Every structure is written in structure tokens, then in C-alpha cells.
PDB file of all heavy atoms in Angstrom:
ATOM      1  N   MET A   1      97.402  81.523 100.893  1.00  0.00           N
ATOM      2  CA  MET A   1      98.771  81.787 101.195  1.00  0.00           C
ATOM      3  C   MET A   1      98.926  83.274 101.500  1.00  0.00           C
ATOM      4  O   MET A   1      98.951  84.078 100.571  1.00  0.00           O
ATOM      5  CB  MET A   1      99.700  81.383 100.051  1.00  0.00           C
ATOM      6  CG  MET A   1      99.645  79.898  99.692  1.00  0.00           C
ATOM      7  SD  MET A   1     100.643  79.494  98.197  1.00  0.00           S
ATOM      8  CE  MET A   1     102.282  79.552  98.928  1.00  0.00           C
ATOM      9  N   PRO A   2      98.953  83.702 102.746  1.00  0.00           N
ATOM     10  CA  PRO A   2      98.953  85.094 103.077  1.00  0.00           C
ATOM     11  C   PRO A   2     100.248  85.726 102.522  1.00  0.00           C
ATOM     12  O   PRO A   2     101.362  85.199 102.704  1.00  0.00           O
ATOM     13  CB  PRO A   2      98.947  85.170 104.656  1.00  0.00           C
ATOM     14  CG  PRO A   2      98.856  83.756 105.104  1.00  0.00           C
ATOM     15  CD  PRO A   2      98.959  82.847 103.952  1.00  0.00           C
ATOM     16  N   ALA A   3     100.077  86.902 101.891  1.00  0.00           N
ATOM     17  CA  ALA A   3     101.232  87.562 101.258  1.00  0.00           C
ATOM     18  C   ALA A   3     101.072  89.073 101.452  1.00  0.00           C
ATOM     19  O   ALA A   3      99.917  89.583 101.566  1.00  0.00           O
ATOM     20  CB  ALA A   3     101.354  87.259  99.788  1.00  0.00           C
ATOM     21  N   THR A   4     102.141  89.775 101.418  1.00  0.00           N
ATOM     22  CA  THR A   4     102.156  91.235 101.519  1.00  0.00           C
ATOM     23  C   THR A   4     103.276  91.825 100.628  1.00  0.00           C
ATOM     24  O   THR A   4     104.338  91.206 100.518  1.00  0.00           O
ATOM     25  CB  THR A   4     102.316  91.740 102.966  1.00  0.00           C
ATOM     26  OG1 THR A   4     102.071  93.140 102.994  1.00  0.00           O
ATOM     27  CG2 THR A   4     103.617  91.411 103.523  1.00  0.00           C
ATOM     28  N   VAL A   5     102.980  92.937  99.996  1.00  0.00           N
ATOM     29  CA  VAL A   5     104.027  93.610  99.220  1.00  0.00           C
ATOM     30  C   VAL A   5     104.855  94.399 100.184  1.00  0.00           C
ATOM     31  O   VAL A   5     104.420  95.339 100.842  1.00  0.00           O
ATOM     32  CB  VAL A   5     103.401  94.488  98.155  1.00  0.00           C
ATOM     33  CG1 VAL A   5     104.451  95.284  97.385  1.00  0.00           C
ATOM     34  CG2 VAL A   5     102.524  93.693  97.205  1.00  0.00           C
ATOM     35  N   VAL A   6     106.177  93.999 100.273  1.00  0.00           N
ATOM     36  CA  VAL A   6     107.088  94.622 101.200  1.00  0.00           C
ATOM     37  C   VAL A   6     107.974  95.663 100.528  1.00  0.00           C
ATOM     38  O   VAL A   6     108.619  96.479 101.150  1.00  0.00           O
ATOM     39  CB  VAL A   6     108.046  93.599 101.901  1.00  0.00           C
ATOM     40  CG1 VAL A   6     107.165  92.693 102.799  1.00  0.00           C
ATOM     41  CG2 VAL A   6     108.854  92.829 100.923  1.00  0.00           C
ATOM     42  N   ALA A   7     107.992  95.613  99.171  1.00  0.00           N
ATOM     43  CA  ALA A   7     108.790  96.574  98.391  1.00  0.00           C
ATOM     44  C   ALA A   7     108.041  96.788  97.089  1.00  0.00           C
ATOM     45  O   ALA A   7     107.623  95.820  96.438  1.00  0.00           O
ATOM     46  CB  ALA A   7     110.201  96.046  98.119  1.00  0.00           C
ATOM     47  N   GLU A   8     107.906  98.048  96.704  1.00  0.00           N
ATOM     48  CA  GLU A   8     107.248  98.351  95.421  1.00  0.00           C
ATOM     49  C   GLU A   8     107.988  99.443  94.735  1.00  0.00           C
ATOM     50  O   GLU A   8     108.707 100.230  95.350  1.00  0.00           O
ATOM     51  CB  GLU A   8     105.805  98.694  95.632  1.00  0.00           C
ATOM     52  CG  GLU A   8     105.500  99.863  96.521  1.00  0.00           C
ATOM     53  CD  GLU A   8     104.031 100.067  96.796  1.00  0.00           C
ATOM     54  OE1 GLU A   8     103.167  99.437  96.143  1.00  0.00           O
ATOM     55  OE2 GLU A   8     103.717 100.883  97.659  1.00  0.00           O
ATOM     56  N   ALA A   9     107.794  99.486  93.392  1.00  0.00           N
ATOM     57  CA  ALA A   9     108.510 100.511  92.592  1.00  0.00           C
ATOM     58  C   ALA A   9     107.584 100.898  91.444  1.00  0.00           C
ATOM     59  O   ALA A   9     106.703 100.161  91.094  1.00  0.00           O
ATOM     60  CB  ALA A   9     109.794  99.893  92.041  1.00  0.00           C
ATOM     61  N   GLY A  10     107.823 102.106  90.947  1.00  0.00           N
ATOM     62  CA  GLY A  10     107.065 102.605  89.823  1.00  0.00           C
ATOM     63  C   GLY A  10     107.346 101.900  88.498  1.00  0.00           C
ATOM     64  O   GLY A  10     106.494 101.887  87.592  1.00  0.00           O
ATOM     65  N   TYR A  11     108.498 101.285  88.421  1.00  0.00           N
ATOM     66  CA  TYR A  11     108.909 100.646  87.172  1.00  0.00           C
ATOM     67  C   TYR A  11     109.588  99.289  87.496  1.00  0.00           C
ATOM     68  O   TYR A  11     109.982  99.048  88.632  1.00  0.00           O
ATOM     69  CB  TYR A  11     109.796 101.535  86.352  1.00  0.00           C
ATOM     70  CG  TYR A  11     109.104 102.687  85.788  1.00  0.00           C
ATOM     71  CD1 TYR A  11     109.069 103.914  86.483  1.00  0.00           C
ATOM     72  CD2 TYR A  11     108.400 102.575  84.569  1.00  0.00           C
ATOM     73  CE1 TYR A  11     108.351 104.996  85.923  1.00  0.00           C
ATOM     74  CE2 TYR A  11     107.701 103.670  84.099  1.00  0.00           C
ATOM     75  CZ  TYR A  11     107.693 104.815  84.753  1.00  0.00           C
ATOM     76  OH  TYR A  11     106.993 105.918  84.238  1.00  0.00           O
ATOM     77  N   LEU A  12     109.675  98.458  86.544  1.00  0.00           N
ATOM     78  CA  LEU A  12     110.203  97.120  86.662  1.00  0.00           C
ATOM     79  C   LEU A  12     111.613  97.070  87.209  1.00  0.00           C
ATOM     80  O   LEU A  12     111.969  96.182  87.976  1.00  0.00           O
ATOM     81  CB  LEU A  12     110.091  96.369  85.333  1.00  0.00           C
ATOM     82  CG  LEU A  12     110.501  94.893  85.325  1.00  0.00           C
ATOM     83  CD1 LEU A  12     109.626  94.070  86.271  1.00  0.00           C
ATOM     84  CD2 LEU A  12     110.399  94.329  83.916  1.00  0.00           C
ATOM     85  N   ALA A  13     112.442  98.013  86.821  1.00  0.00           N
ATOM     86  CA  ALA A  13     113.815  98.036  87.252  1.00  0.00           C
ATOM     87  C   ALA A  13     113.896  98.030  88.800  1.00  0.00           C
ATOM     88  O   ALA A  13     114.738  97.318  89.390  1.00  0.00           O
ATOM     89  CB  ALA A  13     114.582  99.257  86.691  1.00  0.00           C
ATOM     90  N   GLY A  14     113.073  98.783  89.445  1.00  0.00           N
ATOM     91  CA  GLY A  14     113.084  98.821  90.885  1.00  0.00           C
ATOM     92  C   GLY A  14     112.601  97.497  91.505  1.00  0.00           C
ATOM     93  O   GLY A  14     113.113  97.087  92.529  1.00  0.00           O
ATOM     94  N   VAL A  15     111.666  96.873  90.876  1.00  0.00           N
ATOM     95  CA  VAL A  15     111.179  95.553  91.336  1.00  0.00           C
ATOM     96  C   VAL A  15     112.361  94.505  91.220  1.00  0.00           C
ATOM     97  O   VAL A  15     112.565  93.751  92.192  1.00  0.00           O
ATOM     98  CB  VAL A  15     109.956  95.053  90.509  1.00  0.00           C
ATOM     99  CG1 VAL A  15     109.636  93.612  90.824  1.00  0.00           C
ATOM    100  CG2 VAL A  15     108.798  95.996  90.781  1.00  0.00           C
ATOM    101  N   LEU A  16     113.052  94.560  90.119  1.00  0.00           N
ATOM    102  CA  LEU A  16     114.199  93.658  89.942  1.00  0.00           C
ATOM    103  C   LEU A  16     115.273  93.891  91.024  1.00  0.00           C
ATOM    104  O   LEU A  16     115.836  92.956  91.554  1.00  0.00           O
ATOM    105  CB  LEU A  16     114.759  93.766  88.550  1.00  0.00           C
ATOM    106  CG  LEU A  16     113.823  93.356  87.409  1.00  0.00           C
ATOM    107  CD1 LEU A  16     114.456  93.699  86.075  1.00  0.00           C
ATOM    108  CD2 LEU A  16     113.493  91.889  87.489  1.00  0.00           C
ATOM    109  N   ASP A  17     115.559  95.153  91.257  1.00  0.00           N
ATOM    110  CA  ASP A  17     116.563  95.506  92.293  1.00  0.00           C
ATOM    111  C   ASP A  17     116.101  94.995  93.644  1.00  0.00           C
ATOM    112  O   ASP A  17     116.941  94.426  94.392  1.00  0.00           O
ATOM    113  CB  ASP A  17     116.749  97.013  92.327  1.00  0.00           C
ATOM    114  CG  ASP A  17     117.568  97.530  91.156  1.00  0.00           C
ATOM    115  OD1 ASP A  17     118.215  96.753  90.431  1.00  0.00           O
ATOM    116  OD2 ASP A  17     117.472  98.754  90.871  1.00  0.00           O
ATOM    117  N   ALA A  18     114.912  95.191  94.021  1.00  0.00           N
ATOM    118  CA  ALA A  18     114.391  94.714  95.319  1.00  0.00           C
ATOM    119  C   ALA A  18     114.433  93.209  95.446  1.00  0.00           C
ATOM    120  O   ALA A  18     114.792  92.673  96.479  1.00  0.00           O
ATOM    121  CB  ALA A  18     112.953  95.233  95.549  1.00  0.00           C
ATOM    122  N   ALA A  19     114.073  92.514  94.365  1.00  0.00           N
ATOM    123  CA  ALA A  19     114.141  91.048  94.379  1.00  0.00           C
ATOM    124  C   ALA A  19     115.587  90.561  94.523  1.00  0.00           C
ATOM    125  O   ALA A  19     115.882  89.657  95.249  1.00  0.00           O
ATOM    126  CB  ALA A  19     113.467  90.472  93.141  1.00  0.00           C
ATOM    127  N   ARG A  20     116.492  91.237  93.733  1.00  0.00           N
ATOM    128  CA  ARG A  20     117.940  90.843  93.825  1.00  0.00           C
ATOM    129  C   ARG A  20     118.496  91.121  95.229  1.00  0.00           C
ATOM    130  O   ARG A  20     119.389  90.384  95.668  1.00  0.00           O
ATOM    131  CB  ARG A  20     118.707  91.676  92.811  1.00  0.00           C
ATOM    132  CG  ARG A  20     118.594  91.239  91.412  1.00  0.00           C
ATOM    133  CD  ARG A  20     119.485  92.057  90.486  1.00  0.00           C
ATOM    134  NE  ARG A  20     119.030  91.935  89.110  1.00  0.00           N
ATOM    135  CZ  ARG A  20     118.446  92.913  88.376  1.00  0.00           C
ATOM    136  NH1 ARG A  20     118.371  94.088  88.885  1.00  0.00           N
ATOM    137  NH2 ARG A  20     118.115  92.684  87.174  1.00  0.00           N
ATOM    138  N   ALA A  21     117.927  92.083  95.912  1.00  0.00           N
ATOM    139  CA  ALA A  21     118.396  92.392  97.286  1.00  0.00           C
ATOM    140  C   ALA A  21     117.840  91.382  98.305  1.00  0.00           C
ATOM    141  O   ALA A  21     118.167  91.452  99.477  1.00  0.00           O
ATOM    142  CB  ALA A  21     117.954  93.792  97.627  1.00  0.00           C
ATOM    143  N   GLY A  22     117.013  90.450  97.839  1.00  0.00           N
ATOM    144  CA  GLY A  22     116.487  89.437  98.732  1.00  0.00           C
ATOM    145  C   GLY A  22     115.303  89.832  99.591  1.00  0.00           C
ATOM    146  O   GLY A  22     114.973  89.224 100.591  1.00  0.00           O
ATOM    147  N   LEU A  23     114.612  90.958  99.147  1.00  0.00           N
ATOM    148  CA  LEU A  23     113.501  91.452  99.955  1.00  0.00           C
ATOM    149  C   LEU A  23     112.229  90.601  99.804  1.00  0.00           C
ATOM    150  O   LEU A  23     111.364  90.694 100.692  1.00  0.00           O
ATOM    151  CB  LEU A  23     113.214  92.891  99.532  1.00  0.00           C
ATOM    152  CG  LEU A  23     114.326  93.889  99.793  1.00  0.00           C
ATOM    153  CD1 LEU A  23     113.918  95.254  99.394  1.00  0.00           C
ATOM    154  CD2 LEU A  23     114.803  93.859 101.236  1.00  0.00           C
ATOM    155  N   GLY A  24     112.129  89.876  98.709  1.00  0.00           N
ATOM    156  CA  GLY A  24     110.943  88.979  98.585  1.00  0.00           C
ATOM    157  C   GLY A  24     110.946  88.388  97.226  1.00  0.00           C
ATOM    158  O   GLY A  24     111.821  88.575  96.397  1.00  0.00           O
ATOM    159  N   ALA A  25     109.872  87.616  96.933  1.00  0.00           N
ATOM    160  CA  ALA A  25     109.689  87.001  95.619  1.00  0.00           C
ATOM    161  C   ALA A  25     108.951  87.978  94.699  1.00  0.00           C
ATOM    162  O   ALA A  25     108.192  88.829  95.150  1.00  0.00           O
ATOM    163  CB  ALA A  25     108.852  85.684  95.735  1.00  0.00           C
ATOM    164  N   ALA A  26     109.172  87.840  93.439  1.00  0.00           N
ATOM    165  CA  ALA A  26     108.542  88.674  92.431  1.00  0.00           C
ATOM    166  C   ALA A  26     107.916  87.842  91.320  1.00  0.00           C
ATOM    167  O   ALA A  26     108.511  86.873  90.835  1.00  0.00           O
ATOM    168  CB  ALA A  26     109.543  89.669  91.796  1.00  0.00           C
ATOM    169  N   LEU A  27     106.693  88.110  90.942  1.00  0.00           N
ATOM    170  CA  LEU A  27     106.047  87.516  89.827  1.00  0.00           C
ATOM    171  C   LEU A  27     106.384  88.381  88.572  1.00  0.00           C
ATOM    172  O   LEU A  27     106.090  89.555  88.549  1.00  0.00           O
ATOM    173  CB  LEU A  27     104.519  87.445  89.997  1.00  0.00           C
ATOM    174  CG  LEU A  27     103.778  86.738  88.889  1.00  0.00           C
ATOM    175  CD1 LEU A  27     104.142  85.244  88.819  1.00  0.00           C
ATOM    176  CD2 LEU A  27     102.275  86.869  89.116  1.00  0.00           C
ATOM    177  N   LEU A  28     107.083  87.709  87.664  1.00  0.00           N
ATOM    178  CA  LEU A  28     107.608  88.500  86.487  1.00  0.00           C
ATOM    179  C   LEU A  28     107.119  87.876  85.169  1.00  0.00           C
ATOM    180  O   LEU A  28     106.908  86.653  85.094  1.00  0.00           O
ATOM    181  CB  LEU A  28     109.113  88.479  86.483  1.00  0.00           C
ATOM    182  CG  LEU A  28     109.810  89.072  87.731  1.00  0.00           C
ATOM    183  CD1 LEU A  28     111.282  88.865  87.634  1.00  0.00           C
ATOM    184  CD2 LEU A  28     109.409  90.545  87.883  1.00  0.00           C
TER     185      LEU A  28
END
């Protein structure tokens, strides 16, 4: 399943914000 990281953050809060914004799926 080809995948790419389209948004990354130094901490979990940024990952949650990017996922909430609909940018992609997050493994949490």
C-alpha cells in the first residue's frame, strides 16, 4: 500500500492538528 508522509510535526499535538485538518490518516 504506497504511502507518503504529507504532514509531520515534532510533537504529537501537531500530528493531531494535521489529522483533524483532514490532511491524512495518523497511526496513534
